[in-house]
PDB file of N, CA and C in Angstrom:
ATOM      1  N   MET A   1      -8.331  18.578 -33.343  1.00  0.00           N
ATOM      2  CA  MET A   1      -7.525  18.594 -34.030  1.00  0.00           C
ATOM      3  C   MET A   1      -7.096  17.575 -35.150  1.00  0.00           C
ATOM      4  N   SER A   2      -6.628  17.750 -36.171  1.00  0.00           N
ATOM      5  CA  SER A   2      -6.338  16.158 -37.186  1.00  0.00           C
ATOM      6  C   SER A   2      -5.379  15.780 -37.475  1.00  0.00           C
ATOM      7  N   GLN A   3      -4.895  14.787 -37.781  1.00  0.00           N
ATOM      8  CA  GLN A   3      -3.731  14.093 -37.689  1.00  0.00           C
ATOM      9  C   GLN A   3      -3.048  13.964 -38.832  1.00  0.00           C
ATOM     10  N   LYS A   4      -1.974  13.911 -38.947  1.00  0.00           N
ATOM     11  CA  LYS A   4      -0.711  14.227 -40.372  1.00  0.00           C
ATOM     12  C   LYS A   4      -1.265  12.672 -40.620  1.00  0.00           C
ATOM     13  N   VAL A   5      -1.076  11.891 -41.828  1.00  0.00           N
ATOM     14  CA  VAL A   5      -1.236  10.825 -42.961  1.00  0.00           C
ATOM     15  C   VAL A   5      -0.623  10.599 -43.938  1.00  0.00           C
ATOM     16  N   THR A   6       0.079   9.664 -43.839  1.00  0.00           N
ATOM     17  CA  THR A   6       1.104   9.242 -44.654  1.00  0.00           C
ATOM     18  C   THR A   6       0.397   8.453 -46.212  1.00  0.00           C
ATOM     19  N   ARG A   7       1.403   8.784 -46.942  1.00  0.00           N
ATOM     20  CA  ARG A   7       0.748   7.739 -48.178  1.00  0.00           C
ATOM     21  C   ARG A   7       0.352   6.582 -47.738  1.00  0.00           C
ATOM     22  N   GLN A   8       1.316   5.956 -47.395  1.00  0.00           N
ATOM     23  CA  GLN A   8       0.702   4.159 -47.045  1.00  0.00           C
ATOM     24  C   GLN A   8      -0.620   4.274 -46.127  1.00  0.00           C
ATOM     25  N   GLU A   9      -0.337   5.152 -44.723  1.00  0.00           N
ATOM     26  CA  GLU A   9      -1.433   5.161 -44.580  1.00  0.00           C
ATOM     27  C   GLU A   9      -3.027   5.213 -44.961  1.00  0.00           C
ATOM     28  N   LEU A  10      -3.035   6.153 -46.037  1.00  0.00           N
ATOM     29  CA  LEU A  10      -4.292   6.498 -47.054  1.00  0.00           C
ATOM     30  C   LEU A  10      -4.231   5.422 -47.921  1.00  0.00           C
ATOM     31  N   GLU A  11      -3.154   4.611 -48.757  1.00  0.00           N
ATOM     32  CA  GLU A  11      -3.475   3.293 -49.477  1.00  0.00           C
ATOM     33  C   GLU A  11      -3.881   2.036 -48.570  1.00  0.00           C
ATOM     34  N   ALA A  12      -3.467   2.166 -47.119  1.00  0.00           N
ATOM     35  CA  ALA A  12      -4.017   0.798 -46.348  1.00  0.00           C
ATOM     36  C   ALA A  12      -5.467   0.978 -46.133  1.00  0.00           C
ATOM     37  N   ASN A  13      -6.129   2.512 -46.230  1.00  0.00           N
ATOM     38  CA  ASN A  13      -7.475   2.217 -45.780  1.00  0.00           C
ATOM     39  C   ASN A  13      -8.342   2.770 -46.837  1.00  0.00           C
ATOM     40  N   ASN A  14      -8.170   1.376 -47.921  1.00  0.00           N
ATOM     41  CA  ASN A  14      -8.917   1.719 -49.052  1.00  0.00           C
ATOM     42  C   ASN A  14     -10.589   0.929 -49.044  1.00  0.00           C
ATOM     43  N   GLY A  15     -11.320   0.847 -47.980  1.00  0.00           N
ATOM     44  CA  GLY A  15     -12.418   0.425 -47.306  1.00  0.00           C
ATOM     45  C   GLY A  15     -12.502  -1.529 -48.195  1.00  0.00           C
ATOM     46  N   LYS A  16     -11.607  -1.619 -48.293  1.00  0.00           N
ATOM     47  CA  LYS A  16     -11.860  -2.790 -48.199  1.00  0.00           C
ATOM     48  C   LYS A  16     -10.804  -3.857 -47.059  1.00  0.00           C
ATOM     49  N   GLY A  17     -12.062  -5.526 -46.625  1.00  0.00           N
ATOM     50  CA  GLY A  17     -11.886  -5.873 -45.888  1.00  0.00           C
ATOM     51  C   GLY A  17     -12.356  -5.170 -44.438  1.00  0.00           C
ATOM     52  N   GLY A  18     -13.144  -4.696 -44.349  1.00  0.00           N
ATOM     53  CA  GLY A  18     -13.679  -3.695 -43.162  1.00  0.00           C
ATOM     54  C   GLY A  18     -12.531  -2.770 -42.589  1.00  0.00           C
ATOM     55  N   LYS A  19     -11.819  -2.350 -43.766  1.00  0.00           N
ATOM     56  CA  LYS A  19     -11.293  -1.578 -43.350  1.00  0.00           C
ATOM     57  C   LYS A  19     -11.788   0.057 -44.064  1.00  0.00           C
ATOM     58  N   PRO A  20     -11.362   1.229 -43.039  1.00  0.00           N
ATOM     59  CA  PRO A  20     -12.270   2.240 -43.186  1.00  0.00           C
ATOM     60  C   PRO A  20     -11.872   2.905 -44.812  1.00  0.00           C
ATOM     61  N   ALA A  21     -12.783   3.722 -45.498  1.00  0.00           N
ATOM     62  CA  ALA A  21     -12.511   4.122 -46.980  1.00  0.00           C
ATOM     63  C   ALA A  21     -12.216   5.906 -46.846  1.00  0.00           C
ATOM     64  N   TRP A  22     -11.069   5.792 -46.604  1.00  0.00           N
ATOM     65  CA  TRP A  22     -10.166   7.346 -46.629  1.00  0.00           C
ATOM     66  C   TRP A  22     -10.092   7.964 -48.404  1.00  0.00           C
ATOM     67  N   ILE A  23     -10.106   8.762 -48.321  1.00  0.00           N
ATOM     68  CA  ILE A  23      -9.559   9.429 -49.752  1.00  0.00           C
ATOM     69  C   ILE A  23      -8.745  10.787 -49.299  1.00  0.00           C
ATOM     70  N   ALA A  24      -8.248  11.481 -50.669  1.00  0.00           N
ATOM     71  CA  ALA A  24      -6.863  12.430 -50.164  1.00  0.00           C
ATOM     72  C   ALA A  24      -8.004  13.841 -51.274  1.00  0.00           C
ATOM     73  N   TYR A  25      -7.935  14.978 -50.928  1.00  0.00           N
ATOM     74  CA  TYR A  25      -8.308  15.934 -51.959  1.00  0.00           C
ATOM     75  C   TYR A  25      -7.914  17.084 -51.313  1.00  0.00           C
ATOM     76  N   LYS A  26      -6.762  17.798 -51.874  1.00  0.00           N
ATOM     77  CA  LYS A  26      -6.124  18.845 -51.896  1.00  0.00           C
ATOM     78  C   LYS A  26      -5.224  19.074 -51.000  1.00  0.00           C
ATOM     79  N   GLY A  27      -4.786  17.808 -50.361  1.00  0.00           N
ATOM     80  CA  GLY A  27      -3.545  17.423 -49.226  1.00  0.00           C
ATOM     81  C   GLY A  27      -4.776  17.464 -48.155  1.00  0.00           C
ATOM     82  N   LYS A  28      -5.924  17.080 -48.385  1.00  0.00           N
ATOM     83  CA  LYS A  28      -6.494  16.452 -46.805  1.00  0.00           C
ATOM     84  C   LYS A  28      -7.116  15.408 -47.298  1.00  0.00           C
ATOM     85  N   VAL A  29      -7.526  14.555 -45.847  1.00  0.00           N
ATOM     86  CA  VAL A  29      -7.461  13.321 -45.900  1.00  0.00           C
ATOM     87  C   VAL A  29      -9.270  13.326 -45.493  1.00  0.00           C
ATOM     88  N   TYR A  30      -9.886  12.833 -46.052  1.00  0.00           N
ATOM     89  CA  TYR A  30     -11.005  12.654 -45.728  1.00  0.00           C
ATOM     90  C   TYR A  30     -11.636  11.145 -45.578  1.00  0.00           C
ATOM     91  N   ASP A  31     -12.305  10.990 -44.698  1.00  0.00           N
ATOM     92  CA  ASP A  31     -13.286   9.141 -44.280  1.00  0.00           C
ATOM     93  C   ASP A  31     -14.563   9.028 -44.921  1.00  0.00           C
ATOM     94  N   VAL A  32     -14.401   8.434 -45.959  1.00  0.00           N
ATOM     95  CA  VAL A  32     -15.999   8.532 -46.552  1.00  0.00           C
ATOM     96  C   VAL A  32     -16.385   6.947 -46.394  1.00  0.00           C
ATOM     97  N   THR A  33     -16.227   6.165 -45.382  1.00  0.00           N
ATOM     98  CA  THR A  33     -16.398   4.828 -44.880  1.00  0.00           C
ATOM     99  C   THR A  33     -18.426   5.047 -45.058  1.00  0.00           C
ATOM    100  N   GLU A  34     -19.205   6.027 -44.379  1.00  0.00           N
ATOM    101  CA  GLU A  34     -20.291   5.863 -44.325  1.00  0.00           C
ATOM    102  C   GLU A  34     -21.348   6.897 -45.218  1.00  0.00           C
ATOM    103  N   SER A  35     -20.259   7.256 -46.584  1.00  0.00           N
ATOM    104  CA  SER A  35     -21.555   7.668 -47.932  1.00  0.00           C
ATOM    105  C   SER A  35     -21.635   6.655 -48.258  1.00  0.00           C
ATOM    106  N   SER A  36     -23.035   7.368 -48.770  1.00  0.00           N
ATOM    107  CA  SER A  36     -23.879   6.240 -49.443  1.00  0.00           C
ATOM    108  C   SER A  36     -23.330   6.206 -51.013  1.00  0.00           C
ATOM    109  N   PHE A  37     -22.414   7.264 -51.058  1.00  0.00           N
ATOM    110  CA  PHE A  37     -21.677   6.782 -52.174  1.00  0.00           C
ATOM    111  C   PHE A  37     -20.944   6.277 -52.837  1.00  0.00           C
ATOM    112  N   TRP A  38     -20.065   5.731 -51.398  1.00  0.00           N
ATOM    113  CA  TRP A  38     -18.724   4.880 -51.307  1.00  0.00           C
ATOM    114  C   TRP A  38     -18.920   3.656 -51.151  1.00  0.00           C
ATOM    115  N   ILE A  39     -19.380   2.949 -51.940  1.00  0.00           N
ATOM    116  CA  ILE A  39     -19.509   1.435 -51.486  1.00  0.00           C
ATOM    117  C   ILE A  39     -18.289   0.554 -51.414  1.00  0.00           C
ATOM    118  N   ASP A  40     -18.093  -0.084 -50.160  1.00  0.00           N
ATOM    119  CA  ASP A  40     -16.747  -0.964 -50.463  1.00  0.00           C
ATOM    120  C   ASP A  40     -15.791  -0.288 -50.756  1.00  0.00           C
ATOM    121  N   GLY A  41     -15.375   1.233 -50.448  1.00  0.00           N
ATOM    122  CA  GLY A  41     -14.362   1.555 -50.929  1.00  0.00           C
ATOM    123  C   GLY A  41     -13.937   2.033 -52.337  1.00  0.00           C
ATOM    124  N   GLU A  42     -15.379   2.050 -52.893  1.00  0.00           N
ATOM    125  CA  GLU A  42     -15.823   2.476 -54.702  1.00  0.00           C
ATOM    126  C   GLU A  42     -16.008   3.803 -54.399  1.00  0.00           C
ATOM    127  N   HIS A  43     -16.237   4.659 -55.359  1.00  0.00           N
ATOM    128  CA  HIS A  43     -16.926   5.687 -55.844  1.00  0.00           C
ATOM    129  C   HIS A  43     -17.691   5.485 -57.437  1.00  0.00           C
ATOM    130  N   MET A  44     -19.278   4.978 -57.485  1.00  0.00           N
ATOM    131  CA  MET A  44     -19.467   5.377 -58.906  1.00  0.00           C
ATOM    132  C   MET A  44     -18.709   3.857 -60.306  1.00  0.00           C
ATOM    133  N   GLY A  45     -18.150   3.023 -59.561  1.00  0.00           N
ATOM    134  CA  GLY A  45     -17.377   2.300 -60.487  1.00  0.00           C
ATOM    135  C   GLY A  45     -16.400   3.473 -61.289  1.00  0.00           C
ATOM    136  N   MET A  46     -15.491   4.346 -60.827  1.00  0.00           N
ATOM    137  CA  MET A  46     -14.972   5.265 -61.093  1.00  0.00           C
ATOM    138  C   MET A  46     -13.695   5.426 -60.592  1.00  0.00           C
ATOM    139  N   HIS A  47     -14.083   5.957 -58.853  1.00  0.00           N
ATOM    140  CA  HIS A  47     -12.666   5.957 -58.074  1.00  0.00           C
ATOM    141  C   HIS A  47     -12.395   5.269 -57.274  1.00  0.00           C
ATOM    142  N   ASN A  48     -11.314   4.960 -56.542  1.00  0.00           N
ATOM    143  CA  ASN A  48     -11.016   4.540 -55.023  1.00  0.00           C
ATOM    144  C   ASN A  48     -10.846   4.478 -54.283  1.00  0.00           C
ATOM    145  N   ALA A  49     -11.505   4.300 -53.131  1.00  0.00           N
ATOM    146  CA  ALA A  49     -10.476   4.832 -51.780  1.00  0.00           C
ATOM    147  C   ALA A  49      -8.785   4.416 -51.447  1.00  0.00           C
ATOM    148  N   GLY A  50      -8.554   5.348 -50.750  1.00  0.00           N
ATOM    149  CA  GLY A  50      -7.370   4.865 -50.087  1.00  0.00           C
ATOM    150  C   GLY A  50      -6.011   5.653 -51.892  1.00  0.00           C
ATOM    151  N   THR A  51      -6.601   6.816 -52.446  1.00  0.00           N
ATOM    152  CA  THR A  51      -5.886   7.749 -53.117  1.00  0.00           C
ATOM    153  C   THR A  51      -6.427   9.091 -52.912  1.00  0.00           C
ATOM    154  N   ASP A  52      -5.117   9.943 -53.585  1.00  0.00           N
ATOM    155  CA  ASP A  52      -5.522  11.047 -53.784  1.00  0.00           C
ATOM    156  C   ASP A  52      -6.402  11.713 -54.926  1.00  0.00           C
ATOM    157  N   LEU A  53      -7.227  12.099 -54.675  1.00  0.00           N
ATOM    158  CA  LEU A  53      -8.335  11.952 -55.740  1.00  0.00           C
ATOM    159  C   LEU A  53      -8.335  13.529 -56.653  1.00  0.00           C
ATOM    160  N   THR A  54      -7.436  14.649 -56.183  1.00  0.00           N
ATOM    161  CA  THR A  54      -7.159  16.007 -56.570  1.00  0.00           C
ATOM    162  C   THR A  54      -7.288  15.971 -57.569  1.00  0.00           C
ATOM    163  N   GLU A  55      -6.063  15.261 -58.849  1.00  0.00           N
ATOM    164  CA  GLU A  55      -6.200  15.335 -60.239  1.00  0.00           C
ATOM    165  C   GLU A  55      -7.684  15.097 -60.779  1.00  0.00           C
ATOM    166  N   ASN A  56      -7.367  13.794 -60.381  1.00  0.00           N
ATOM    167  CA  ASN A  56      -9.126  12.820 -60.958  1.00  0.00           C
ATOM    168  C   ASN A  56     -10.606  13.951 -60.806  1.00  0.00           C
ATOM    169  N   LEU A  57     -10.289  14.531 -59.792  1.00  0.00           N
ATOM    170  CA  LEU A  57     -11.712  15.130 -59.525  1.00  0.00           C
ATOM    171  C   LEU A  57     -11.725  16.495 -60.502  1.00  0.00           C
ATOM    172  N   GLU A  58     -10.794  17.237 -61.424  1.00  0.00           N
ATOM    173  CA  GLU A  58     -10.746  18.499 -61.518  1.00  0.00           C
ATOM    174  C   GLU A  58     -11.551  18.823 -62.627  1.00  0.00           C
ATOM    175  N   MET A  59     -12.267  17.712 -63.051  1.00  0.00           N
ATOM    176  CA  MET A  59     -13.140  17.557 -64.643  1.00  0.00           C
ATOM    177  C   MET A  59     -14.572  17.132 -63.591  1.00  0.00           C
ATOM    178  N   ALA A  60     -14.595  16.617 -62.623  1.00  0.00           N
ATOM    179  CA  ALA A  60     -15.739  16.529 -62.214  1.00  0.00           C
ATOM    180  C   ALA A  60     -16.917  17.678 -61.287  1.00  0.00           C
ATOM    181  N   PRO A  61     -18.381  17.037 -61.301  1.00  0.00           N
ATOM    182  CA  PRO A  61     -19.394  17.741 -60.986  1.00  0.00           C
ATOM    183  C   PRO A  61     -19.323  18.279 -60.013  1.00  0.00           C
ATOM    184  N   HIS A  62     -18.433  17.855 -58.936  1.00  0.00           N
ATOM    185  CA  HIS A  62     -18.007  18.172 -57.559  1.00  0.00           C
ATOM    186  C   HIS A  62     -18.183  19.905 -57.617  1.00  0.00           C
ATOM    187  N   ARG A  63     -18.022  19.879 -56.170  1.00  0.00           N
ATOM    188  CA  ARG A  63     -17.304  21.396 -55.576  1.00  0.00           C
ATOM    189  C   ARG A  63     -16.777  21.137 -54.442  1.00  0.00           C
ATOM    190  N   ASP A  64     -15.918  21.962 -54.427  1.00  0.00           N
ATOM    191  CA  ASP A  64     -15.168  22.059 -52.863  1.00  0.00           C
ATOM    192  C   ASP A  64     -16.208  21.742 -51.773  1.00  0.00           C
ATOM    193  N   GLU A  65     -17.023  22.237 -51.790  1.00  0.00           N
ATOM    194  CA  GLU A  65     -18.345  22.261 -50.293  1.00  0.00           C
ATOM    195  C   GLU A  65     -18.471  21.185 -50.252  1.00  0.00           C
ATOM    196  N   ASN A  66     -18.531  20.472 -51.280  1.00  0.00           N
ATOM    197  CA  ASN A  66     -19.470  18.854 -51.352  1.00  0.00           C
ATOM    198  C   ASN A  66     -18.058  18.733 -49.757  1.00  0.00           C
ATOM    199  N   PHE A  67     -16.650  18.834 -49.802  1.00  0.00           N
ATOM    200  CA  PHE A  67     -15.958  18.098 -48.731  1.00  0.00           C
ATOM    201  C   PHE A  67     -16.085  18.500 -47.698  1.00  0.00           C
ATOM    202  N   ASN A  68     -16.981  19.568 -47.217  1.00  0.00           N
ATOM    203  CA  ASN A  68     -17.405  20.175 -45.960  1.00  0.00           C
ATOM    204  C   ASN A  68     -18.367  19.117 -45.312  1.00  0.00           C
ATOM    205  N   ARG A  69     -18.711  17.996 -46.107  1.00  0.00           N
ATOM    206  CA  ARG A  69     -19.738  17.317 -44.933  1.00  0.00           C
ATOM    207  C   ARG A  69     -19.315  16.019 -44.916  1.00  0.00           C
ATOM    208  N   LEU A  70     -18.132  15.914 -45.621  1.00  0.00           N
ATOM    209  CA  LEU A  70     -17.548  14.427 -44.976  1.00  0.00           C
ATOM    210  C   LEU A  70     -16.149  14.909 -43.342  1.00  0.00           C
ATOM    211  N   LYS A  71     -16.427  13.880 -43.197  1.00  0.00           N
ATOM    212  CA  LYS A  71     -15.100  13.917 -41.759  1.00  0.00           C
ATOM    213  C   LYS A  71     -13.909  13.921 -42.434  1.00  0.00           C
ATOM    214  N   LEU A  72     -13.281  14.944 -41.488  1.00  0.00           N
ATOM    215  CA  LEU A  72     -11.997  15.285 -41.800  1.00  0.00           C
ATOM    216  C   LEU A  72     -10.881  14.245 -41.120  1.00  0.00           C
ATOM    217  N   VAL A  73      -9.922  13.100 -41.666  1.00  0.00           N
ATOM    218  CA  VAL A  73      -9.023  12.554 -41.023  1.00  0.00           C
ATOM    219  C   VAL A  73      -7.835  13.586 -40.706  1.00  0.00           C
ATOM    220  N   GLY A  74      -7.453  13.686 -41.596  1.00  0.00           N
ATOM    221  CA  GLY A  74      -6.094  14.947 -40.876  1.00  0.00           C
ATOM    222  C   GLY A  74      -5.946  15.571 -42.845  1.00  0.00           C
ATOM    223  N   GLU A  75      -4.453  15.503 -42.517  1.00  0.00           N
ATOM    224  CA  GLU A  75      -3.024  16.462 -43.171  1.00  0.00           C
ATOM    225  C   GLU A  75      -2.462  15.287 -44.522  1.00  0.00           C
ATOM    226  N   LEU A  76      -2.466  15.336 -45.719  1.00  0.00           N
ATOM    227  CA  LEU A  76      -1.810  14.388 -46.254  1.00  0.00           C
ATOM    228  C   LEU A  76      -0.174  14.773 -46.128  1.00  0.00           C
ATOM    229  N   ILE A  77       0.910  14.218 -45.807  1.00  0.00           N
ATOM    230  CA  ILE A  77       1.858  14.333 -45.662  1.00  0.00           C
ATOM    231  C   ILE A  77       2.844  13.566 -46.796  1.00  0.00           C
TER     232      ILE A  77
END
């Protein structure tokens, strides 16, 4: 069962200072801490953890299926 995640909690988990790296996409929050594509809360020098990336990823080469590989933290409220 997933938890409810506030925007403040999302922003706090930005991958800096030993904190987990969380991102939101289409209302769900994912933990990308262990992903080799996310280093110190940053993805390819373009995106930062602790943010909602829904709008930013509209033009990205990613597909929704890629998010199935990530650990689901919960629902963004």
